[in-house]
Amino acid sequence: MNIVVCIKQVPDSDKVTIDRETNRLNRAGVPSIINPFDENALEMALQLKDKHGGKITVISMGPPQAEEALRTALSHGADEAILISDRKFGGADTWATSYTITLALKKLTDPVDLILFGKQAIDGDTAQVGPGVAHFYGVPMITYAKACEVTDKGFRVQQVTDHGYNVWDVEKPAALTVVKEANSLRMPSLKKKMAAKKAEIPVWGVEQLQPDETKIGLNGSPTKVNKVFAPPVKLNKEILSGEPADMVKELIFKLREKKVL
């Protein structure tokens, strides 16, 4: 079984700021980490490999320093890593990113059985790239996956909902986005850490992927950030007094008056 895990290197959200002129994240000097939800996708892949065998390939699209995230994934047990990086890919929105990642999937030698993503990236929170890749690649997508089992024809997936979970049977190849509740990423071994440092990670750019250049990077992105701002905080506080039962009635009346209830 061949599994691909798509990961993203993101800035530590506690230390990130916004460039007000470009409306982009200021990444200079900010520590980078693997997107936390992507760790759950990687662990799901590792558990499937432990049980059924196969190969795990991790793919990341980003600047050259995203290689660090790929080496971290290798240290946890992934078998191969590929970095998608080219200046022409810079500034891509989720649509252009999905298109570019799909080209990398199509370039892989071995047929892909399962593509895993984290539920969303903590720097954008759009949750669009996983479904976007599934669309471009032409495979079914199940979002918010908590568990995945291999079946004769494909996979049985538990999908988290607001009130429990659904169970879906899906034929392979398929794609999933994985929630945090699914698992916790295992610790890397010292042996795998050393191997990850020495691993050769190919870099695929425009020359290797041969994209339609009208569909990549900032110029190929249908959506662009026009403005970033913090919404004004309005605190219209009102303190109720009296007996609890009377205050509850008054609160309900005021909420209905404001059409909140």
C-alpha atoms as a PDB file:
ATOM      1  CA  MET A   1       0.000   0.000   0.000  1.00  0.00           C
ATOM      2  CA  ASN A   2       1.351   3.399  -0.998  1.00  0.00           C
ATOM      3  CA  ILE A   3       0.348   6.313   1.205  1.00  0.00           C
ATOM      4  CA  VAL A   4       1.125   9.967   0.578  1.00  0.00           C
ATOM      5  CA  VAL A   5       0.979  12.431   3.451  1.00  0.00           C
ATOM      6  CA  CYS A   6       0.864  16.102   2.503  1.00  0.00           C
ATOM      7  CA  ILE A   7       2.367  18.281   5.218  1.00  0.00           C
ATOM      8  CA  LYS A   8       2.931  21.999   5.607  1.00  0.00           C
ATOM      9  CA  GLN A   9       5.593  23.879   7.511  1.00  0.00           C
ATOM     10  CA  VAL A  10       3.877  26.693   9.397  1.00  0.00           C
ATOM     11  CA  PRO A  11       5.126  29.482  11.664  1.00  0.00           C
ATOM     12  CA  ASP A  12       4.649  28.992  15.384  1.00  0.00           C
ATOM     13  CA  SER A  13       1.294  30.725  15.803  1.00  0.00           C
ATOM     14  CA  ASP A  14       2.256  32.241  19.151  1.00  0.00           C
ATOM     15  CA  LYS A  15       5.015  34.304  17.547  1.00  0.00           C
ATOM     16  CA  VAL A  16       3.639  35.236  14.131  1.00  0.00           C
ATOM     17  CA  THR A  17       2.786  38.762  12.953  1.00  0.00           C
ATOM     18  CA  ILE A  18       1.229  40.218   9.792  1.00  0.00           C
ATOM     19  CA  ASP A  19       3.027  42.408   7.250  1.00  0.00           C
ATOM     20  CA  ARG A  20       0.484  45.199   6.790  1.00  0.00           C
ATOM     21  CA  GLU A  21       1.836  46.176   3.375  1.00  0.00           C
ATOM     22  CA  THR A  22       1.771  42.725   1.733  1.00  0.00           C
ATOM     23  CA  ASN A  23      -0.998  41.194   3.912  1.00  0.00           C
ATOM     24  CA  ARG A  24       1.182  38.116   4.356  1.00  0.00           C
ATOM     25  CA  LEU A  25       2.628  36.410   7.409  1.00  0.00           C
ATOM     26  CA  ASN A  26       6.000  37.655   8.627  1.00  0.00           C
ATOM     27  CA  ARG A  27       8.019  34.445   8.695  1.00  0.00           C
ATOM     28  CA  ALA A  28      11.486  35.951   9.152  1.00  0.00           C
ATOM     29  CA  GLY A  29      12.917  34.996  12.523  1.00  0.00           C
ATOM     30  CA  VAL A  30       9.775  33.066  13.499  1.00  0.00           C
ATOM     31  CA  PRO A  31      10.266  29.406  14.513  1.00  0.00           C
ATOM     32  CA  SER A  32       8.606  26.963  12.102  1.00  0.00           C
ATOM     33  CA  ILE A  33       6.909  23.690  12.941  1.00  0.00           C
ATOM     34  CA  ILE A  34       4.998  20.949  11.163  1.00  0.00           C
ATOM     35  CA  ASN A  35       1.352  21.912  11.025  1.00  0.00           C
ATOM     36  CA  PRO A  36      -0.037  20.123  14.131  1.00  0.00           C
ATOM     37  CA  PHE A  37      -2.973  18.540  12.289  1.00  0.00           C
ATOM     38  CA  ASP A  38      -0.549  17.120   9.726  1.00  0.00           C
ATOM     39  CA  GLU A  39       1.133  15.206  12.539  1.00  0.00           C
ATOM     40  CA  ASN A  40      -2.132  13.311  13.036  1.00  0.00           C
ATOM     41  CA  ALA A  41      -2.262  12.494   9.319  1.00  0.00           C
ATOM     42  CA  LEU A  42       1.313  11.201   9.485  1.00  0.00           C
ATOM     43  CA  GLU A  43       0.582   9.040  12.506  1.00  0.00           C
ATOM     44  CA  MET A  44      -2.477   7.552  10.795  1.00  0.00           C
ATOM     45  CA  ALA A  45      -0.249   6.622   7.856  1.00  0.00           C
ATOM     46  CA  LEU A  46       2.343   5.081  10.183  1.00  0.00           C
ATOM     47  CA  GLN A  47      -0.290   3.001  11.952  1.00  0.00           C
ATOM     48  CA  LEU A  48      -1.643   1.711   8.641  1.00  0.00           C
ATOM     49  CA  LYS A  49       1.882   0.839   7.541  1.00  0.00           C
ATOM     50  CA  ASP A  50       2.567  -0.946  10.841  1.00  0.00           C
ATOM     51  CA  LYS A  51      -0.480  -3.137  10.269  1.00  0.00           C
ATOM     52  CA  HIS A  52      -0.461  -3.645   6.506  1.00  0.00           C
ATOM     53  CA  GLY A  53       3.015  -2.720   5.267  1.00  0.00           C
ATOM     54  CA  GLY A  54       3.705  -0.431   2.350  1.00  0.00           C
ATOM     55  CA  LYS A  55       5.454   2.896   1.780  1.00  0.00           C
ATOM     56  CA  ILE A  56       4.839   6.401   3.084  1.00  0.00           C
ATOM     57  CA  THR A  57       5.857   9.412   1.021  1.00  0.00           C
ATOM     58  CA  VAL A  58       5.623  12.874   2.549  1.00  0.00           C
ATOM     59  CA  ILE A  59       5.198  15.897   0.291  1.00  0.00           C
ATOM     60  CA  SER A  60       5.444  19.540   1.230  1.00  0.00           C
ATOM     61  CA  MET A  61       5.086  22.672  -0.862  1.00  0.00           C
ATOM     62  CA  GLY A  62       6.970  25.702   0.360  1.00  0.00           C
ATOM     63  CA  PRO A  63      10.268  27.580   0.458  1.00  0.00           C
ATOM     64  CA  PRO A  64      13.589  25.699   0.747  1.00  0.00           C
ATOM     65  CA  GLN A  65      13.450  25.722   4.558  1.00  0.00           C
ATOM     66  CA  ALA A  66      10.347  23.504   4.422  1.00  0.00           C
ATOM     67  CA  GLU A  67      12.883  20.696   3.981  1.00  0.00           C
ATOM     68  CA  GLU A  68      13.198  20.774   7.781  1.00  0.00           C
ATOM     69  CA  ALA A  69       9.579  19.657   8.159  1.00  0.00           C
ATOM     70  CA  LEU A  70      10.138  16.822   5.709  1.00  0.00           C
ATOM     71  CA  ARG A  71      13.204  15.622   7.611  1.00  0.00           C
ATOM     72  CA  THR A  72      11.179  15.670  10.799  1.00  0.00           C
ATOM     73  CA  ALA A  73       8.529  13.499   9.117  1.00  0.00           C
ATOM     74  CA  LEU A  74      11.245  11.083   7.966  1.00  0.00           C
ATOM     75  CA  SER A  75      12.555  10.852  11.520  1.00  0.00           C
ATOM     76  CA  HIS A  76       9.111   9.740  12.666  1.00  0.00           C
ATOM     77  CA  GLY A  77       9.022   6.871  10.165  1.00  0.00           C
ATOM     78  CA  ALA A  78       8.098   8.124   6.687  1.00  0.00           C
ATOM     79  CA  ASP A  79      10.056   6.411   3.908  1.00  0.00           C
ATOM     80  CA  GLU A  80      10.536   9.137   1.306  1.00  0.00           C
ATOM     81  CA  ALA A  81      10.105  12.894   1.068  1.00  0.00           C
ATOM     82  CA  ILE A  82       9.617  15.374  -1.777  1.00  0.00           C
ATOM     83  CA  LEU A  83       9.796  19.157  -1.584  1.00  0.00           C
ATOM     84  CA  ILE A  84       7.787  21.220  -4.067  1.00  0.00           C
ATOM     85  CA  SER A  85       9.615  24.522  -4.244  1.00  0.00           C
ATOM     86  CA  ASP A  86      10.060  27.202  -6.861  1.00  0.00           C
ATOM     87  CA  ARG A  87       9.876  30.996  -6.761  1.00  0.00           C
ATOM     88  CA  LYS A  88       7.129  30.801  -9.369  1.00  0.00           C
ATOM     89  CA  PHE A  89       4.949  28.888  -6.864  1.00  0.00           C
ATOM     90  CA  GLY A  90       5.188  31.723  -4.319  1.00  0.00           C
ATOM     91  CA  GLY A  91       2.021  33.476  -3.192  1.00  0.00           C
ATOM     92  CA  ALA A  92      -0.265  30.620  -4.273  1.00  0.00           C
ATOM     93  CA  ASP A  93      -3.737  30.518  -2.779  1.00  0.00           C
ATOM     94  CA  THR A  94      -5.415  27.231  -1.889  1.00  0.00           C
ATOM     95  CA  TRP A  95      -6.610  26.653  -5.474  1.00  0.00           C
ATOM     96  CA  ALA A  96      -3.175  27.111  -7.026  1.00  0.00           C
ATOM     97  CA  THR A  97      -1.569  25.116  -4.199  1.00  0.00           C
ATOM     98  CA  SER A  98      -3.966  22.215  -4.745  1.00  0.00           C
ATOM     99  CA  TYR A  99      -3.262  22.246  -8.465  1.00  0.00           C
ATOM    100  CA  THR A 100       0.504  22.208  -7.929  1.00  0.00           C
ATOM    101  CA  ILE A 101       0.457  19.420  -5.332  1.00  0.00           C
ATOM    102  CA  THR A 102      -1.682  17.332  -7.675  1.00  0.00           C
ATOM    103  CA  LEU A 103       0.976  17.596 -10.374  1.00  0.00           C
ATOM    104  CA  ALA A 104       3.474  16.148  -7.908  1.00  0.00           C
ATOM    105  CA  LEU A 105       1.131  13.258  -7.084  1.00  0.00           C
ATOM    106  CA  LYS A 106       0.758  12.476 -10.783  1.00  0.00           C
ATOM    107  CA  LYS A 107       4.534  12.460 -11.178  1.00  0.00           C
ATOM    108  CA  LEU A 108       5.038   9.715  -8.558  1.00  0.00           C
ATOM    109  CA  THR A 109       6.190   6.399 -10.004  1.00  0.00           C
ATOM    110  CA  ASP A 110       4.045   4.142  -7.822  1.00  0.00           C
ATOM    111  CA  PRO A 111       0.235   4.363  -7.899  1.00  0.00           C
ATOM    112  CA  VAL A 112      -1.173   6.062  -4.802  1.00  0.00           C
ATOM    113  CA  ASP A 113      -3.700   4.224  -2.637  1.00  0.00           C
ATOM    114  CA  LEU A 114      -4.361   6.838   0.043  1.00  0.00           C
ATOM    115  CA  ILE A 115      -3.638  10.581   0.360  1.00  0.00           C
ATOM    116  CA  LEU A 116      -3.729  12.044   3.854  1.00  0.00           C
ATOM    117  CA  PHE A 117      -3.902  15.667   5.006  1.00  0.00           C
ATOM    118  CA  GLY A 118      -4.320  17.346   8.347  1.00  0.00           C
ATOM    119  CA  LYS A 119      -7.789  18.731   8.990  1.00  0.00           C
ATOM    120  CA  GLN A 120      -6.522  22.239   8.215  1.00  0.00           C
ATOM    121  CA  ALA A 121      -3.430  24.405   8.496  1.00  0.00           C
ATOM    122  CA  ILE A 122      -3.168  26.625  11.570  1.00  0.00           C
ATOM    123  CA  ASP A 123      -1.827  29.585   9.562  1.00  0.00           C
ATOM    124  CA  GLY A 124      -4.741  29.763   7.137  1.00  0.00           C
ATOM    125  CA  ASP A 125      -7.541  27.663   8.681  1.00  0.00           C
ATOM    126  CA  THR A 126      -9.257  27.265   5.300  1.00  0.00           C
ATOM    127  CA  ALA A 127      -9.320  23.425   5.219  1.00  0.00           C
ATOM    128  CA  GLN A 128      -9.455  23.710   1.412  1.00  0.00           C
ATOM    129  CA  VAL A 129      -6.235  22.145   0.113  1.00  0.00           C
ATOM    130  CA  GLY A 130      -7.143  18.537   0.935  1.00  0.00           C
ATOM    131  CA  PRO A 131     -10.493  18.658  -0.876  1.00  0.00           C
ATOM    132  CA  GLY A 132      -8.887  20.703  -3.649  1.00  0.00           C
ATOM    133  CA  VAL A 133      -6.228  18.061  -4.311  1.00  0.00           C
ATOM    134  CA  ALA A 134      -8.857  15.311  -4.213  1.00  0.00           C
ATOM    135  CA  HIS A 135     -10.825  17.220  -6.862  1.00  0.00           C
ATOM    136  CA  PHE A 136      -7.853  17.774  -9.181  1.00  0.00           C
ATOM    137  CA  TYR A 137      -6.583  14.216  -8.673  1.00  0.00           C
ATOM    138  CA  GLY A 138     -10.058  12.750  -9.218  1.00  0.00           C
ATOM    139  CA  VAL A 139     -10.476  10.691  -6.041  1.00  0.00           C
ATOM    140  CA  PRO A 140     -13.180  10.620  -3.353  1.00  0.00           C
ATOM    141  CA  MET A 141     -12.527  12.733  -0.257  1.00  0.00           C
ATOM    142  CA  ILE A 142     -13.685  12.168   3.323  1.00  0.00           C
ATOM    143  CA  THR A 143     -13.046  15.045   5.705  1.00  0.00           C
ATOM    144  CA  TYR A 144     -12.626  14.950   9.504  1.00  0.00           C
ATOM    145  CA  ALA A 145     -11.435  11.334   9.614  1.00  0.00           C
ATOM    146  CA  LYS A 146     -10.884   9.924  13.092  1.00  0.00           C
ATOM    147  CA  ALA A 147     -10.048   6.331  12.165  1.00  0.00           C
ATOM    148  CA  CYS A 148      -9.284   4.356   9.013  1.00  0.00           C
ATOM    149  CA  GLU A 149      -9.270   0.610   8.397  1.00  0.00           C
ATOM    150  CA  VAL A 150      -8.235  -1.251   5.259  1.00  0.00           C
ATOM    151  CA  THR A 151     -10.958  -3.277   3.525  1.00  0.00           C
ATOM    152  CA  ASP A 152     -10.952  -5.592   0.493  1.00  0.00           C
ATOM    153  CA  LYS A 153     -11.761  -2.760  -1.912  1.00  0.00           C
ATOM    154  CA  GLY A 154     -10.447   0.272  -0.065  1.00  0.00           C
ATOM    155  CA  PHE A 155     -11.019   1.808   3.346  1.00  0.00           C
ATOM    156  CA  ARG A 156     -13.598   2.090   6.121  1.00  0.00           C
ATOM    157  CA  VAL A 157     -13.442   5.545   7.676  1.00  0.00           C
ATOM    158  CA  GLN A 158     -14.927   7.061  10.820  1.00  0.00           C
ATOM    159  CA  GLN A 159     -15.852  10.667  10.119  1.00  0.00           C
ATOM    160  CA  VAL A 160     -16.362  12.967  13.105  1.00  0.00           C
ATOM    161  CA  THR A 161     -19.605  14.951  13.180  1.00  0.00           C
ATOM    162  CA  ASP A 162     -21.130  17.412  15.650  1.00  0.00           C
ATOM    163  CA  HIS A 163     -23.156  14.624  17.234  1.00  0.00           C
ATOM    164  CA  GLY A 164     -20.900  11.554  16.940  1.00  0.00           C
ATOM    165  CA  TYR A 165     -19.473  10.021  13.796  1.00  0.00           C
ATOM    166  CA  ASN A 166     -20.394   8.536  10.431  1.00  0.00           C
ATOM    167  CA  VAL A 167     -18.897   5.356   8.974  1.00  0.00           C
ATOM    168  CA  TRP A 168     -18.025   5.429   5.266  1.00  0.00           C
ATOM    169  CA  ASP A 169     -16.752   2.712   2.963  1.00  0.00           C
ATOM    170  CA  VAL A 170     -14.670   4.165   0.148  1.00  0.00           C
ATOM    171  CA  GLU A 171     -12.787   2.492  -2.679  1.00  0.00           C
ATOM    172  CA  LYS A 172      -9.136   3.256  -3.241  1.00  0.00           C
ATOM    173  CA  PRO A 173      -7.532   5.508  -4.222  1.00  0.00           C
ATOM    174  CA  ALA A 174      -9.032   7.938  -1.748  1.00  0.00           C
ATOM    175  CA  ALA A 175      -8.137  11.043   0.239  1.00  0.00           C
ATOM    176  CA  LEU A 176      -8.800  11.924   3.874  1.00  0.00           C
ATOM    177  CA  THR A 177      -8.340  14.905   6.148  1.00  0.00           C
ATOM    178  CA  VAL A 178      -7.494  13.812   9.687  1.00  0.00           C
ATOM    179  CA  VAL A 179      -8.640  15.362  12.977  1.00  0.00           C
ATOM    180  CA  LYS A 180      -6.586  15.814  16.123  1.00  0.00           C
ATOM    181  CA  GLU A 181      -8.719  13.308  18.044  1.00  0.00           C
ATOM    182  CA  ALA A 182      -7.446  10.513  15.794  1.00  0.00           C
ATOM    183  CA  ASN A 183      -4.095   9.951  17.533  1.00  0.00           C
ATOM    184  CA  SER A 184      -0.851  11.438  18.829  1.00  0.00           C
ATOM    185  CA  LEU A 185       2.325  11.356  16.767  1.00  0.00           C
ATOM    186  CA  ARG A 186       4.874   8.839  18.058  1.00  0.00           C
ATOM    187  CA  MET A 187       8.347   9.880  19.155  1.00  0.00           C
ATOM    188  CA  PRO A 188      11.149   9.495  16.611  1.00  0.00           C
ATOM    189  CA  SER A 189      13.953   7.040  17.268  1.00  0.00           C
ATOM    190  CA  LEU A 190      17.584   8.169  17.379  1.00  0.00           C
ATOM    191  CA  LYS A 191      18.404   5.861  14.455  1.00  0.00           C
ATOM    192  CA  LYS A 192      15.682   7.414  12.292  1.00  0.00           C
ATOM    193  CA  LYS A 193      16.721  10.913  13.315  1.00  0.00           C
ATOM    194  CA  MET A 194      20.248  10.246  12.099  1.00  0.00           C
ATOM    195  CA  ALA A 195      18.977   8.718   8.852  1.00  0.00           C
ATOM    196  CA  ALA A 196      16.644  11.684   8.277  1.00  0.00           C
ATOM    197  CA  LYS A 197      19.566  14.127   8.519  1.00  0.00           C
ATOM    198  CA  LYS A 198      21.383  12.287   5.717  1.00  0.00           C
ATOM    199  CA  ALA A 199      18.377  11.606   3.495  1.00  0.00           C
ATOM    200  CA  GLU A 200      18.338  13.067  -0.007  1.00  0.00           C
ATOM    201  CA  ILE A 201      15.170  15.060  -0.586  1.00  0.00           C
ATOM    202  CA  PRO A 202      14.427  15.855  -4.236  1.00  0.00           C
ATOM    203  CA  VAL A 203      13.135  19.325  -5.030  1.00  0.00           C
ATOM    204  CA  TRP A 204      10.479  19.567  -7.730  1.00  0.00           C
ATOM    205  CA  GLY A 205       9.920  22.950  -9.336  1.00  0.00           C
ATOM    206  CA  VAL A 206       8.431  24.252 -12.545  1.00  0.00           C
ATOM    207  CA  GLU A 207      10.971  22.349 -14.639  1.00  0.00           C
ATOM    208  CA  GLN A 208      10.046  18.996 -13.081  1.00  0.00           C
ATOM    209  CA  LEU A 209       6.263  19.464 -12.794  1.00  0.00           C
ATOM    210  CA  GLN A 210       5.667  21.306 -16.089  1.00  0.00           C
ATOM    211  CA  PRO A 211       2.570  23.188 -14.870  1.00  0.00           C
ATOM    212  CA  ASP A 212       0.324  25.498 -16.790  1.00  0.00           C
ATOM    213  CA  GLU A 213       1.990  28.664 -15.501  1.00  0.00           C
ATOM    214  CA  THR A 214      -1.282  30.584 -15.617  1.00  0.00           C
ATOM    215  CA  LYS A 215      -2.468  28.355 -12.734  1.00  0.00           C
ATOM    216  CA  ILE A 216       0.423  28.647 -10.295  1.00  0.00           C
ATOM    217  CA  GLY A 217       1.726  31.133  -7.770  1.00  0.00           C
ATOM    218  CA  LEU A 218       0.283  34.532  -7.002  1.00  0.00           C
ATOM    219  CA  ASN A 219      -0.632  35.353 -10.608  1.00  0.00           C
ATOM    220  CA  GLY A 220      -2.474  32.043 -11.008  1.00  0.00           C
ATOM    221  CA  SER A 221      -4.478  32.427  -7.807  1.00  0.00           C
ATOM    222  CA  PRO A 222      -8.161  33.362  -8.176  1.00  0.00           C
ATOM    223  CA  THR A 223      -8.273  34.733  -4.618  1.00  0.00           C
ATOM    224  CA  LYS A 224      -6.034  37.416  -3.153  1.00  0.00           C
ATOM    225  CA  VAL A 225      -5.906  39.026   0.272  1.00  0.00           C
ATOM    226  CA  ASN A 226      -7.045  42.622  -0.065  1.00  0.00           C
ATOM    227  CA  LYS A 227      -6.746  43.704   3.553  1.00  0.00           C
ATOM    228  CA  VAL A 228      -5.914  42.252   6.964  1.00  0.00           C
ATOM    229  CA  PHE A 229      -7.235  43.911  10.113  1.00  0.00           C
ATOM    230  CA  ALA A 230      -8.369  43.166  13.636  1.00  0.00           C
ATOM    231  CA  PRO A 231     -12.116  43.733  14.021  1.00  0.00           C
ATOM    232  CA  PRO A 232     -13.013  46.392  16.596  1.00  0.00           C
ATOM    233  CA  VAL A 233     -14.049  45.007  19.947  1.00  0.00           C
ATOM    234  CA  LYS A 234     -17.314  46.423  21.240  1.00  0.00           C
ATOM    235  CA  LEU A 235     -18.196  45.695  24.841  1.00  0.00           C
ATOM    236  CA  ASN A 236     -21.710  46.823  25.701  1.00  0.00           C
ATOM    237  CA  LYS A 237     -21.825  45.402  29.175  1.00  0.00           C
ATOM    238  CA  GLU A 238     -24.921  45.434  31.311  1.00  0.00           C
ATOM    239  CA  ILE A 239     -25.124  44.012  34.807  1.00  0.00           C
ATOM    240  CA  LEU A 240     -28.429  42.534  35.901  1.00  0.00           C
ATOM    241  CA  SER A 241     -29.511  42.502  39.520  1.00  0.00           C
ATOM    242  CA  GLY A 242     -32.277  40.955  41.545  1.00  0.00           C
ATOM    243  CA  GLU A 243     -33.437  37.421  42.183  1.00  0.00           C
ATOM    244  CA  PRO A 244     -31.881  34.715  39.937  1.00  0.00           C
ATOM    245  CA  ALA A 245     -35.216  33.689  38.399  1.00  0.00           C
ATOM    246  CA  ASP A 246     -36.050  37.317  37.592  1.00  0.00           C
ATOM    247  CA  MET A 247     -32.590  37.920  36.086  1.00  0.00           C
ATOM    248  CA  VAL A 248     -32.976  34.850  33.846  1.00  0.00           C
ATOM    249  CA  LYS A 249     -36.308  36.127  32.546  1.00  0.00           C
ATOM    250  CA  GLU A 250     -34.854  39.572  31.925  1.00  0.00           C
ATOM    251  CA  LEU A 251     -31.805  38.096  30.149  1.00  0.00           C
ATOM    252  CA  ILE A 252     -34.001  35.968  27.865  1.00  0.00           C
ATOM    253  CA  PHE A 253     -36.130  39.016  27.061  1.00  0.00           C
ATOM    254  CA  LYS A 254     -33.073  41.104  26.152  1.00  0.00           C
ATOM    255  CA  LEU A 255     -31.592  38.341  23.985  1.00  0.00           C
ATOM    256  CA  ARG A 256     -34.863  37.951  22.109  1.00  0.00           C
ATOM    257  CA  GLU A 257     -35.060  41.709  21.733  1.00  0.00           C
ATOM    258  CA  LYS A 258     -31.635  41.623  20.032  1.00  0.00           C
ATOM    259  CA  LYS A 259     -32.772  38.588  17.990  1.00  0.00           C
ATOM    260  CA  VAL A 260     -30.021  36.387  19.472  1.00  0.00           C
ATOM    261  CA  LEU A 261     -32.630  33.814  20.554  1.00  0.00           C
END
